[in-house]
């Protein structure tokens, strides 16, 4: 598989690297449609909304096609399961997150008949809502459109 088909790897890199560090990966990152941002919250719906808004605002997904929003939603949930260690709860369990996120849209396979896929990565911290009591976390979700 060619490197430019590794949308998950590109999503992880884009979420983890600072803007200066990401400059070293411009060539592979320019081969796919990508958006990124930051979100911090104790509310899961705010995290989902931040990613969905960024993806629609940058036209990574169409706001008029339900299947694209639906695919993004499932990739977000899968990525959040990694961050929350399989327990999709944050504020309800007195945890807060501070995350960078990246969404990559592209081919996951060499055969174009496989269509486009979305990869969502979160990287940042999770922990008690007390500054300094958080630890690193990462999650990756990939879903077909």
Protein backbone atom coordinates (compact mmCIF):
# COMPACT_ATOMS: atom_id res chain seq x y z
CA UNK A 1 0.00 0.00 0.00
CA UNK A 2 1.38 3.41 -0.94
CA UNK A 3 2.02 5.85 1.91
CA UNK A 4 -0.57 8.31 0.64
CA UNK A 5 -3.25 5.65 1.24
CA UNK A 6 -2.42 5.49 4.95
CA UNK A 7 -5.02 8.02 6.05
CA UNK A 8 -4.89 6.86 9.67
CA UNK A 9 -1.15 7.43 9.88
CA UNK A 10 -1.55 10.90 8.38
CA UNK A 11 -4.36 11.71 10.84
CA UNK A 12 -2.18 10.65 13.78
CA UNK A 13 0.73 12.76 12.52
CA UNK A 14 -1.47 15.79 11.89
CA UNK A 15 -3.04 15.57 15.36
CA UNK A 16 0.23 15.08 17.23
CA UNK A 17 2.61 17.46 15.48
CA UNK A 18 2.90 21.17 16.09
CA UNK A 19 2.50 23.43 13.07
CA UNK A 20 6.29 23.72 12.77
CA UNK A 21 6.76 19.94 12.95
CA UNK A 22 3.95 19.34 10.45
CA UNK A 23 5.82 21.41 7.86
CA UNK A 24 8.21 18.46 7.41
CA UNK A 25 5.28 16.30 6.25
CA UNK A 26 3.65 18.75 3.84
CA UNK A 27 4.04 16.53 0.77
CA UNK A 28 2.08 13.52 2.08
CA UNK A 29 -0.39 15.77 3.91
CA UNK A 30 -1.08 17.68 0.68
CA UNK A 31 -2.16 14.44 -1.04
CA UNK A 32 -5.32 14.16 1.05
CA UNK A 33 -8.06 16.49 2.25
CA UNK A 34 -7.37 17.32 5.90
CA UNK A 35 -8.63 19.59 8.65
CA UNK A 36 -7.48 19.99 12.23
CA UNK A 37 -8.27 21.87 15.40
CA UNK A 38 -8.34 21.86 19.18
CA UNK A 39 -11.08 21.14 21.69
CA UNK A 40 -11.24 20.93 25.45
CA UNK A 41 -14.33 19.93 27.38
CA UNK A 42 -16.03 17.74 29.93
CA UNK A 43 -18.91 17.40 27.47
CA UNK A 44 -18.75 14.68 24.79
CA UNK A 45 -21.26 16.44 22.53
CA UNK A 46 -19.05 19.56 22.42
CA UNK A 47 -16.12 17.46 21.23
CA UNK A 48 -18.21 15.81 18.51
CA UNK A 49 -19.63 19.19 17.45
CA UNK A 50 -16.17 20.79 17.25
CA UNK A 51 -14.89 18.10 14.87
CA UNK A 52 -18.07 18.07 12.78
CA UNK A 53 -18.07 21.88 12.50
CA UNK A 54 -14.42 21.93 11.42
CA UNK A 55 -15.01 19.21 8.81
CA UNK A 56 -18.02 21.04 7.36
CA UNK A 57 -16.44 24.51 7.54
CA UNK A 58 -13.40 23.33 5.57
CA UNK A 59 -15.65 21.38 3.17
CA UNK A 60 -13.94 18.12 4.09
CA UNK A 61 -17.47 16.69 4.23
CA UNK A 62 -20.65 18.02 2.65
CA UNK A 63 -23.24 19.36 5.05
CA UNK A 64 -25.89 18.29 2.52
CA UNK A 65 -25.02 14.59 2.44
CA UNK A 66 -26.12 12.64 5.50
CA UNK A 67 -23.87 9.67 4.67
CA UNK A 68 -20.77 11.86 5.03
CA UNK A 69 -21.86 13.27 8.41
CA UNK A 70 -22.79 9.75 9.52
CA UNK A 71 -19.40 8.34 8.50
CA UNK A 72 -17.64 11.17 10.35
CA UNK A 73 -19.75 10.59 13.48
CA UNK A 74 -18.76 6.93 13.66
CA UNK A 75 -15.07 7.70 13.08
CA UNK A 76 -15.24 10.31 15.88
CA UNK A 77 -16.85 7.83 18.30
CA UNK A 78 -14.24 5.19 17.50
CA UNK A 79 -11.44 7.70 18.11
CA UNK A 80 -13.03 8.83 21.38
CA UNK A 81 -13.15 5.21 22.56
CA UNK A 82 -9.36 5.18 22.32
CA UNK A 83 -9.03 8.41 24.30
CA UNK A 84 -11.49 7.27 26.98
CA UNK A 85 -10.20 3.68 27.08
CA UNK A 86 -13.46 2.22 25.83
CA UNK A 87 -15.67 4.08 28.31
CA UNK A 88 -17.46 6.76 26.30
CA UNK A 89 -17.88 9.10 29.25
CA UNK A 90 -16.04 12.24 30.25
CA UNK A 91 -17.88 14.72 32.48
CA UNK A 92 -20.16 12.02 33.87
CA UNK A 93 -17.08 10.32 35.32
CA UNK A 94 -15.39 13.57 36.41
CA UNK A 95 -12.86 13.58 33.56
CA UNK A 96 -11.94 16.39 31.23
CA UNK A 97 -10.00 16.38 27.96
CA UNK A 98 -7.77 18.81 26.13
CA UNK A 99 -7.33 17.48 22.60
CA UNK A 100 -5.90 18.31 19.22
CA UNK A 101 -7.77 16.59 16.42
CA UNK A 102 -7.28 15.89 12.75
CA UNK A 103 -9.67 14.55 10.15
CA UNK A 104 -8.30 13.08 6.92
CA UNK A 105 -10.38 12.18 3.87
CA UNK A 106 -8.86 10.01 1.20
CA UNK A 107 -8.39 6.61 -0.31
CA UNK A 108 -7.65 3.82 2.12
CA UNK A 109 -6.96 1.28 -0.64
CA UNK A 110 -5.24 1.28 -4.01
CA UNK A 111 -8.42 0.18 -5.82
CA UNK A 112 -10.51 3.33 -6.47
CA UNK A 113 -13.69 1.23 -6.33
CA UNK A 114 -13.20 1.08 -2.54
CA UNK A 115 -14.14 4.77 -2.40
CA UNK A 116 -13.16 7.42 0.09
CA UNK A 117 -12.69 6.97 3.82
CA UNK A 118 -12.41 9.26 6.84
CA UNK A 119 -9.80 8.98 9.59
CA UNK A 120 -10.20 10.92 12.84
CA UNK A 121 -7.43 11.20 15.41
CA UNK A 122 -7.47 12.80 18.84
CA UNK A 123 -4.27 13.45 20.76
CA UNK A 124 -3.94 15.29 24.03
CA UNK A 125 -4.72 14.86 27.69
CA UNK A 126 -7.46 13.33 29.81
CA UNK A 127 -7.85 13.33 33.55
CA UNK A 128 -9.47 14.78 36.62
CA UNK A 129 -10.71 18.35 36.13
CA UNK A 130 -7.71 19.65 38.08
CA UNK A 131 -4.81 21.26 36.20
CA UNK A 132 -1.76 19.01 36.27
CA UNK A 133 -3.63 15.76 37.00
CA UNK A 134 -4.13 14.72 33.40
CA UNK A 135 -2.15 12.29 31.24
CA UNK A 136 -1.62 11.77 27.51
CA UNK A 137 -4.18 9.92 25.45
CA UNK A 138 -4.68 9.13 21.77
CA UNK A 139 -7.50 7.65 19.73
CA UNK A 140 -7.95 6.80 16.06
CA UNK A 141 -11.15 6.03 14.19
CA UNK A 142 -11.53 5.13 10.52
CA UNK A 143 -14.80 4.76 8.63
CA UNK A 144 -15.87 4.49 5.01
CA UNK A 145 -18.07 7.11 3.42
